[in-house]
C-alpha atoms as a PDB file:
ATOM      1  CA  MET A   1      15.745 -18.435 -15.742  1.00  0.00           C
ATOM      2  CA  LYS A   2      18.550 -19.446 -18.089  1.00  0.00           C
ATOM      3  CA  GLU A   3      16.111 -20.016 -20.969  1.00  0.00           C
ATOM      4  CA  GLU A   4      14.614 -16.545 -20.524  1.00  0.00           C
ATOM      5  CA  ILE A   5      18.056 -14.954 -20.642  1.00  0.00           C
ATOM      6  CA  GLU A   6      18.906 -16.878 -23.821  1.00  0.00           C
ATOM      7  CA  VAL A   7      15.656 -15.701 -25.445  1.00  0.00           C
ATOM      8  CA  LEU A   8      16.387 -12.109 -24.435  1.00  0.00           C
ATOM      9  CA  LYS A   9      19.912 -12.409 -25.873  1.00  0.00           C
ATOM     10  CA  ARG A  10      18.578 -13.656 -29.204  1.00  0.00           C
ATOM     11  CA  LEU A  11      15.979 -10.883 -29.329  1.00  0.00           C
ATOM     12  CA  ALA A  12      18.596  -8.233 -28.517  1.00  0.00           C
ATOM     13  CA  GLU A  13      20.977  -9.607 -31.156  1.00  0.00           C
ATOM     14  CA  LYS A  14      18.187  -9.555 -33.758  1.00  0.00           C
ATOM     15  CA  ALA A  15      17.183  -6.006 -32.780  1.00  0.00           C
ATOM     16  CA  LEU A  16      20.795  -4.854 -33.025  1.00  0.00           C
ATOM     17  CA  LYS A  17      21.133  -6.390 -36.487  1.00  0.00           C
ATOM     18  CA  GLU A  18      17.909  -4.723 -37.650  1.00  0.00           C
ATOM     19  CA  LEU A  19      18.993  -1.357 -36.229  1.00  0.00           C
ATOM     20  CA  ASP A  20      22.348  -1.686 -38.017  1.00  0.00           C
ATOM     21  CA  GLU A  21      20.558  -2.365 -41.310  1.00  0.00           C
ATOM     22  CA  ALA A  22      18.207   0.596 -40.816  1.00  0.00           C
ATOM     23  CA  TYR A  23      21.120   2.875 -39.857  1.00  0.00           C
ATOM     24  CA  LYS A  24      22.918   2.044 -43.105  1.00  0.00           C
ATOM     25  CA  ARG A  25      19.832   2.782 -45.220  1.00  0.00           C
ATOM     26  CA  ILE A  26      18.397   5.928 -43.654  1.00  0.00           C
ATOM     27  CA  PRO A  27      19.366   9.286 -45.154  1.00  0.00           C
ATOM     28  CA  ASP A  28      21.275  11.706 -42.962  1.00  0.00           C
ATOM     29  CA  VAL A  29      18.350  14.078 -42.296  1.00  0.00           C
ATOM     30  CA  ASN A  30      15.962  14.965 -39.453  1.00  0.00           C
ATOM     31  CA  ASN A  31      18.224  13.372 -36.801  1.00  0.00           C
ATOM     32  CA  GLY A  32      17.057   9.925 -37.921  1.00  0.00           C
ATOM     33  CA  LYS A  33      20.551   8.491 -37.745  1.00  0.00           C
ATOM     34  CA  ALA A  34      21.067   9.934 -34.273  1.00  0.00           C
ATOM     35  CA  TYR A  35      17.908   8.231 -32.970  1.00  0.00           C
ATOM     36  CA  LEU A  36      18.922   4.924 -34.533  1.00  0.00           C
ATOM     37  CA  TRP A  37      22.459   5.232 -33.180  1.00  0.00           C
ATOM     38  CA  ARG A  38      21.170   5.826 -29.645  1.00  0.00           C
ATOM     39  CA  GLY A  39      18.821   2.864 -30.010  1.00  0.00           C
ATOM     40  CA  LYS A  40      21.710   0.680 -31.164  1.00  0.00           C
ATOM     41  CA  GLU A  41      23.769   1.742 -28.166  1.00  0.00           C
ATOM     42  CA  ARG A  42      20.926   0.922 -25.761  1.00  0.00           C
ATOM     43  CA  VAL A  43      20.443  -2.524 -27.267  1.00  0.00           C
ATOM     44  CA  ARG A  44      24.213  -3.100 -27.245  1.00  0.00           C
ATOM     45  CA  LEU A  45      24.284  -2.209 -23.525  1.00  0.00           C
ATOM     46  CA  MET A  46      21.370  -4.552 -22.784  1.00  0.00           C
ATOM     47  CA  LEU A  47      23.148  -7.340 -24.671  1.00  0.00           C
ATOM     48  CA  LYS A  48      26.344  -6.728 -22.693  1.00  0.00           C
ATOM     49  CA  ILE A  49      24.398  -6.915 -19.418  1.00  0.00           C
ATOM     50  CA  LEU A  50      22.682 -10.123 -20.522  1.00  0.00           C
ATOM     51  CA  ASN A  51      26.007 -11.670 -21.538  1.00  0.00           C
ATOM     52  CA  ASP A  52      27.479 -10.754 -18.150  1.00  0.00           C
ATOM     53  CA  MET A  53      24.510 -12.381 -16.337  1.00  0.00           C
ATOM     54  CA  GLU A  54      25.605 -15.970 -16.945  1.00  0.00           C
ATOM     55  CA  VAL A  55      23.414 -18.040 -14.632  1.00  0.00           C
END
């Protein structure tokens, strides 16, 4: 179980980094930044939950 949580943490950290990069590059049109921002917040929440789940 601990290995699965570690893998999920790494995947969430990578996703958050990629969303941050995309957020910086996307123009401020068509609500694109809003969608990315919400995605970042969801991944950040998942990462917080995973970090709090220390097994």
